Amino acid sequence: MRILVVSPDLYERHYGLLTQMHRLRAQVFGSRLGWDVEIAADEERDEYDGLGPTYILALDATDRVAGCARLLPASGPTMVEQTFPKLLADGSLFGHADMVESSRFCVDTALEAGRGEGQLHLATLTMFAGIIEWSMASGYREIVTATDLRFERILKRAGWPMKRLGEPAAIGNTMAVAGCLPADRLSFERVRPAGYRSTFARNNGVRSAA
């Protein structure tokens, strides 16, 4: 399994993979989790997809999208602050230039490859490593996200615990929580699965998520 980073300048080149990604999001957030999301032509999208995010994709050996996440600079509009302010202690994020937001994280749990008894799915760990690696390479030190309590426990099991930014609150049929994750070498080494590889250039530390 490998990581592919799709920045705005690569949207057209990887159109087919992004279509897979939006369909996976529809399956996970709409069908499996029952979230209140907008789905059209079997694809899930929202207003944040129109802000030029960078997408992190985990691809299996057949180039099937096994996992995905959306990254946007926290200095601009963020899902945490704009859509879920009730998850923040005082309703504000106070994002800064060294912080990036990760949203719409999901993996295809139908894939059996890499899943061992009692272990996290290979796609999950690969995605964690890809997000951290890209964030470090792009000059970010913190990753902010909103997720549910079940996923917060998965992050802790993976050795990448989240620092809460407020108390858990009900969002639809989910108990959600917002928090920050470190983007550093120690976290990357903890979550990186054996055989991990990525296919993106470091760009000499220049940010490409804007």
Protein backbone atom coordinates (compact mmCIF):
# COMPACT_ATOMS: atom_id res chain seq x y z
CA MET A 1 0.00 0.00 0.00
CA ARG A 2 1.28 3.47 -0.85
CA ILE A 3 0.42 7.10 -0.22
CA LEU A 4 -0.40 9.51 -3.03
CA VAL A 5 -0.81 13.23 -2.39
CA VAL A 6 -3.14 15.09 -4.75
CA SER A 7 -2.70 18.87 -4.57
CA PRO A 8 -4.94 21.22 -6.59
CA ASP A 9 -2.55 21.25 -9.56
CA LEU A 10 -2.94 17.45 -9.80
CA TYR A 11 -6.74 17.23 -9.63
CA GLU A 12 -7.14 16.75 -13.38
CA ARG A 13 -4.36 14.15 -13.63
CA HIS A 14 -5.88 12.06 -10.83
CA TYR A 15 -9.55 12.67 -11.66
CA GLY A 16 -10.38 8.95 -11.57
CA LEU A 17 -8.82 8.46 -8.14
CA LEU A 18 -10.63 11.50 -6.75
CA THR A 19 -13.90 10.08 -8.08
CA GLN A 20 -13.13 6.85 -6.18
CA MET A 21 -12.42 8.95 -3.09
CA HIS A 22 -15.74 10.81 -3.23
CA ARG A 23 -17.58 7.51 -3.71
CA LEU A 24 -15.77 5.98 -0.74
CA ARG A 25 -16.77 8.98 1.35
CA ALA A 26 -20.40 8.51 0.28
CA GLN A 27 -20.28 4.84 1.27
CA VAL A 28 -18.66 5.48 4.65
CA PHE A 29 -20.28 8.72 5.82
CA GLY A 30 -23.64 8.37 4.10
CA SER A 31 -24.43 4.64 3.97
CA ARG A 32 -22.41 3.11 6.82
CA LEU A 33 -22.36 5.90 9.43
CA GLY A 34 -25.63 7.55 8.45
CA TRP A 35 -24.27 11.10 8.68
CA ASP A 36 -26.23 14.03 7.27
CA VAL A 37 -24.06 14.59 4.18
CA GLU A 38 -24.84 15.64 0.63
CA ILE A 39 -24.53 12.81 -1.91
CA ALA A 40 -25.00 13.24 -5.66
CA ALA A 41 -24.21 10.65 -8.34
CA ASP A 42 -22.97 8.33 -5.53
CA GLU A 43 -20.33 10.89 -4.50
CA GLU A 44 -20.06 12.88 -1.25
CA ARG A 45 -18.84 16.49 -1.42
CA ASP A 46 -19.19 19.64 0.65
CA GLU A 47 -18.18 23.29 0.52
CA TYR A 48 -14.67 22.60 1.82
CA ASP A 49 -13.85 20.59 -1.30
CA GLY A 50 -14.17 23.87 -3.19
CA LEU A 51 -11.35 25.55 -1.23
CA GLY A 52 -8.49 23.80 -3.04
CA PRO A 53 -7.55 21.20 -0.41
CA THR A 54 -4.76 18.68 -0.67
CA TYR A 55 -6.03 15.09 -0.57
CA ILE A 56 -4.06 12.23 0.97
CA LEU A 57 -4.94 8.88 -0.64
CA ALA A 58 -3.90 5.38 0.38
CA LEU A 59 -3.77 3.12 -2.69
CA ASP A 60 -3.59 -0.67 -2.74
CA ALA A 61 -1.61 -2.73 -5.24
CA THR A 62 -4.35 -2.33 -7.86
CA ASP A 63 -4.56 1.47 -7.39
CA ARG A 64 -7.86 1.18 -5.57
CA VAL A 65 -8.45 3.97 -3.06
CA ALA A 66 -8.26 2.29 0.34
CA GLY A 67 -8.29 5.46 2.43
CA CYS A 68 -8.49 9.22 2.15
CA ALA A 69 -8.28 12.51 4.03
CA ARG A 70 -8.65 16.18 3.16
CA LEU A 71 -6.13 18.79 4.34
CA LEU A 72 -6.62 22.56 4.49
CA PRO A 73 -4.56 25.27 6.24
CA ALA A 74 -6.09 26.09 9.62
CA SER A 75 -5.39 29.79 8.98
CA GLY A 76 -8.37 29.78 6.58
CA PRO A 77 -11.92 28.45 6.85
CA THR A 78 -11.98 25.14 8.75
CA MET A 79 -14.68 22.56 9.33
CA VAL A 80 -13.89 22.49 13.05
CA GLU A 81 -14.57 26.20 13.55
CA GLN A 82 -17.17 26.90 10.85
CA THR A 83 -19.26 23.71 11.06
CA PHE A 84 -18.57 22.30 14.54
CA PRO A 85 -17.80 25.30 16.82
CA LYS A 86 -19.64 23.58 19.70
CA LEU A 87 -16.68 21.16 19.89
CA LEU A 88 -14.29 24.01 20.77
CA ALA A 89 -13.98 25.22 24.35
CA ASP A 90 -14.88 28.82 23.47
CA GLY A 91 -16.17 28.32 19.95
CA SER A 92 -12.98 29.53 18.29
CA LEU A 93 -10.03 27.58 16.92
CA PHE A 94 -7.33 30.27 16.86
CA GLY A 95 -5.64 28.57 13.92
CA HIS A 96 -2.11 29.59 13.03
CA ALA A 97 0.34 29.22 10.16
CA ASP A 98 1.84 26.01 11.58
CA MET A 99 -1.52 24.23 11.87
CA VAL A 100 -3.39 22.24 9.21
CA GLU A 101 -6.88 20.73 9.41
CA SER A 102 -7.57 17.12 8.48
CA SER A 103 -11.17 16.22 7.66
CA ARG A 104 -13.21 13.55 5.88
CA PHE A 105 -10.80 10.81 6.99
CA CYS A 106 -12.06 7.35 6.10
CA VAL A 107 -10.81 3.92 5.06
CA ASP A 108 -12.36 1.07 3.11
CA THR A 109 -12.90 -1.48 5.86
CA ALA A 110 -13.99 -4.05 3.27
CA LEU A 111 -10.35 -4.52 2.37
CA GLU A 112 -8.94 -7.45 4.30
CA ALA A 113 -5.29 -6.98 3.34
CA GLY A 114 -3.15 -6.11 6.31
CA ARG A 115 -5.73 -6.71 9.00
CA GLY A 116 -4.61 -8.98 11.79
CA GLU A 117 -6.55 -10.07 14.84
CA GLY A 118 -6.69 -7.20 17.29
CA GLN A 119 -4.69 -4.94 14.99
CA LEU A 120 -5.55 -1.69 13.26
CA HIS A 121 -6.19 -1.88 9.54
CA LEU A 122 -3.12 -1.36 7.33
CA ALA A 123 -4.94 1.40 5.44
CA THR A 124 -5.58 3.27 8.71
CA LEU A 125 -1.93 3.21 9.76
CA THR A 126 -0.79 4.06 6.24
CA MET A 127 -3.10 7.08 6.21
CA PHE A 128 -1.86 8.23 9.62
CA ALA A 129 1.75 8.05 8.42
CA GLY A 130 0.94 9.81 5.15
CA ILE A 131 -0.83 12.69 6.87
CA ILE A 132 2.03 13.20 9.32
CA GLU A 133 4.73 12.89 6.65
CA TRP A 134 3.05 15.39 4.33
CA SER A 135 2.38 17.81 7.20
CA MET A 136 6.01 17.78 8.32
CA ALA A 137 7.28 18.15 4.74
CA SER A 138 4.94 21.11 4.26
CA GLY A 139 6.09 22.91 7.40
CA TYR A 140 3.15 22.15 9.69
CA ARG A 141 3.61 21.19 13.36
CA GLU A 142 -0.01 20.54 14.38
CA ILE A 143 -3.01 18.81 12.84
CA VAL A 144 -6.48 19.76 14.04
CA THR A 145 -9.48 17.53 13.42
CA ALA A 146 -13.00 16.72 14.54
CA THR A 147 -13.87 13.07 14.95
CA ASP A 148 -15.95 10.68 17.03
CA LEU A 149 -15.02 9.05 20.32
CA ARG A 150 -14.46 5.66 18.68
CA PHE A 151 -11.84 7.14 16.35
CA GLU A 152 -10.24 9.03 19.22
CA ARG A 153 -9.60 5.63 20.82
CA ILE A 154 -8.12 4.31 17.55
CA LEU A 155 -5.67 7.24 17.50
CA LYS A 156 -4.60 6.39 21.05
CA ARG A 157 -4.14 2.70 20.17
CA ALA A 158 -1.96 3.71 17.24
CA GLY A 159 0.34 5.72 19.55
CA TRP A 160 -0.86 9.08 18.23
CA PRO A 161 -3.09 10.46 21.01
CA MET A 162 -5.17 13.57 20.44
CA LYS A 163 -5.21 16.62 22.72
CA ARG A 164 -8.83 17.67 23.13
CA LEU A 165 -9.86 21.25 22.34
CA GLY A 166 -13.19 20.97 24.14
CA GLU A 167 -15.67 18.54 25.62
CA PRO A 168 -17.37 15.84 23.50
CA ALA A 169 -20.76 16.84 22.12
CA ALA A 170 -23.52 15.21 20.11
CA ILE A 171 -23.33 15.91 16.37
CA GLY A 172 -26.32 14.19 14.79
CA ASN A 173 -26.19 10.56 15.92
CA THR A 174 -22.49 10.75 16.86
CA MET A 175 -20.61 11.82 19.98
CA ALA A 176 -17.87 13.98 18.48
CA VAL A 177 -14.75 15.67 19.79
CA ALA A 178 -12.21 18.13 18.38
CA GLY A 179 -8.52 17.98 19.06
CA CYS A 180 -4.94 18.54 17.95
CA LEU A 181 -2.40 15.94 16.88
CA PRO A 182 1.37 16.45 16.69
CA ALA A 183 3.06 16.36 13.29
CA ASP A 184 6.54 15.20 14.27
CA ARG A 185 9.07 12.47 13.58
CA LEU A 186 8.29 10.52 16.77
CA SER A 187 4.59 10.27 15.89
CA PHE A 188 5.44 9.27 12.32
CA GLU A 189 7.73 6.46 13.49
CA ARG A 190 5.09 5.19 15.92
CA VAL A 191 2.30 4.88 13.37
CA ARG A 192 4.26 3.97 10.22
CA PRO A 193 3.48 0.37 9.21
CA ALA A 194 6.11 -2.00 7.83
CA GLY A 195 6.65 -1.47 4.12
CA TYR A 196 5.20 2.06 4.16
CA ARG A 197 5.97 4.17 1.11
CA SER A 198 4.80 7.47 -0.30
CA THR A 199 5.08 8.91 -3.78
CA PHE A 200 5.20 12.65 -3.17
CA ALA A 201 8.11 15.07 -3.39
CA ARG A 202 9.18 16.97 -0.30
CA ASN A 203 9.12 20.31 -2.20
CA ASN A 204 11.93 21.48 0.07
CA GLY A 205 9.44 22.19 2.83
CA VAL A 206 7.28 24.52 0.73
CA ARG A 207 3.59 24.33 1.58
CA SER A 208 1.31 23.12 -1.18
CA ALA A 209 -2.07 23.02 0.60
CA ALA A 210 -3.05 26.64 0.12
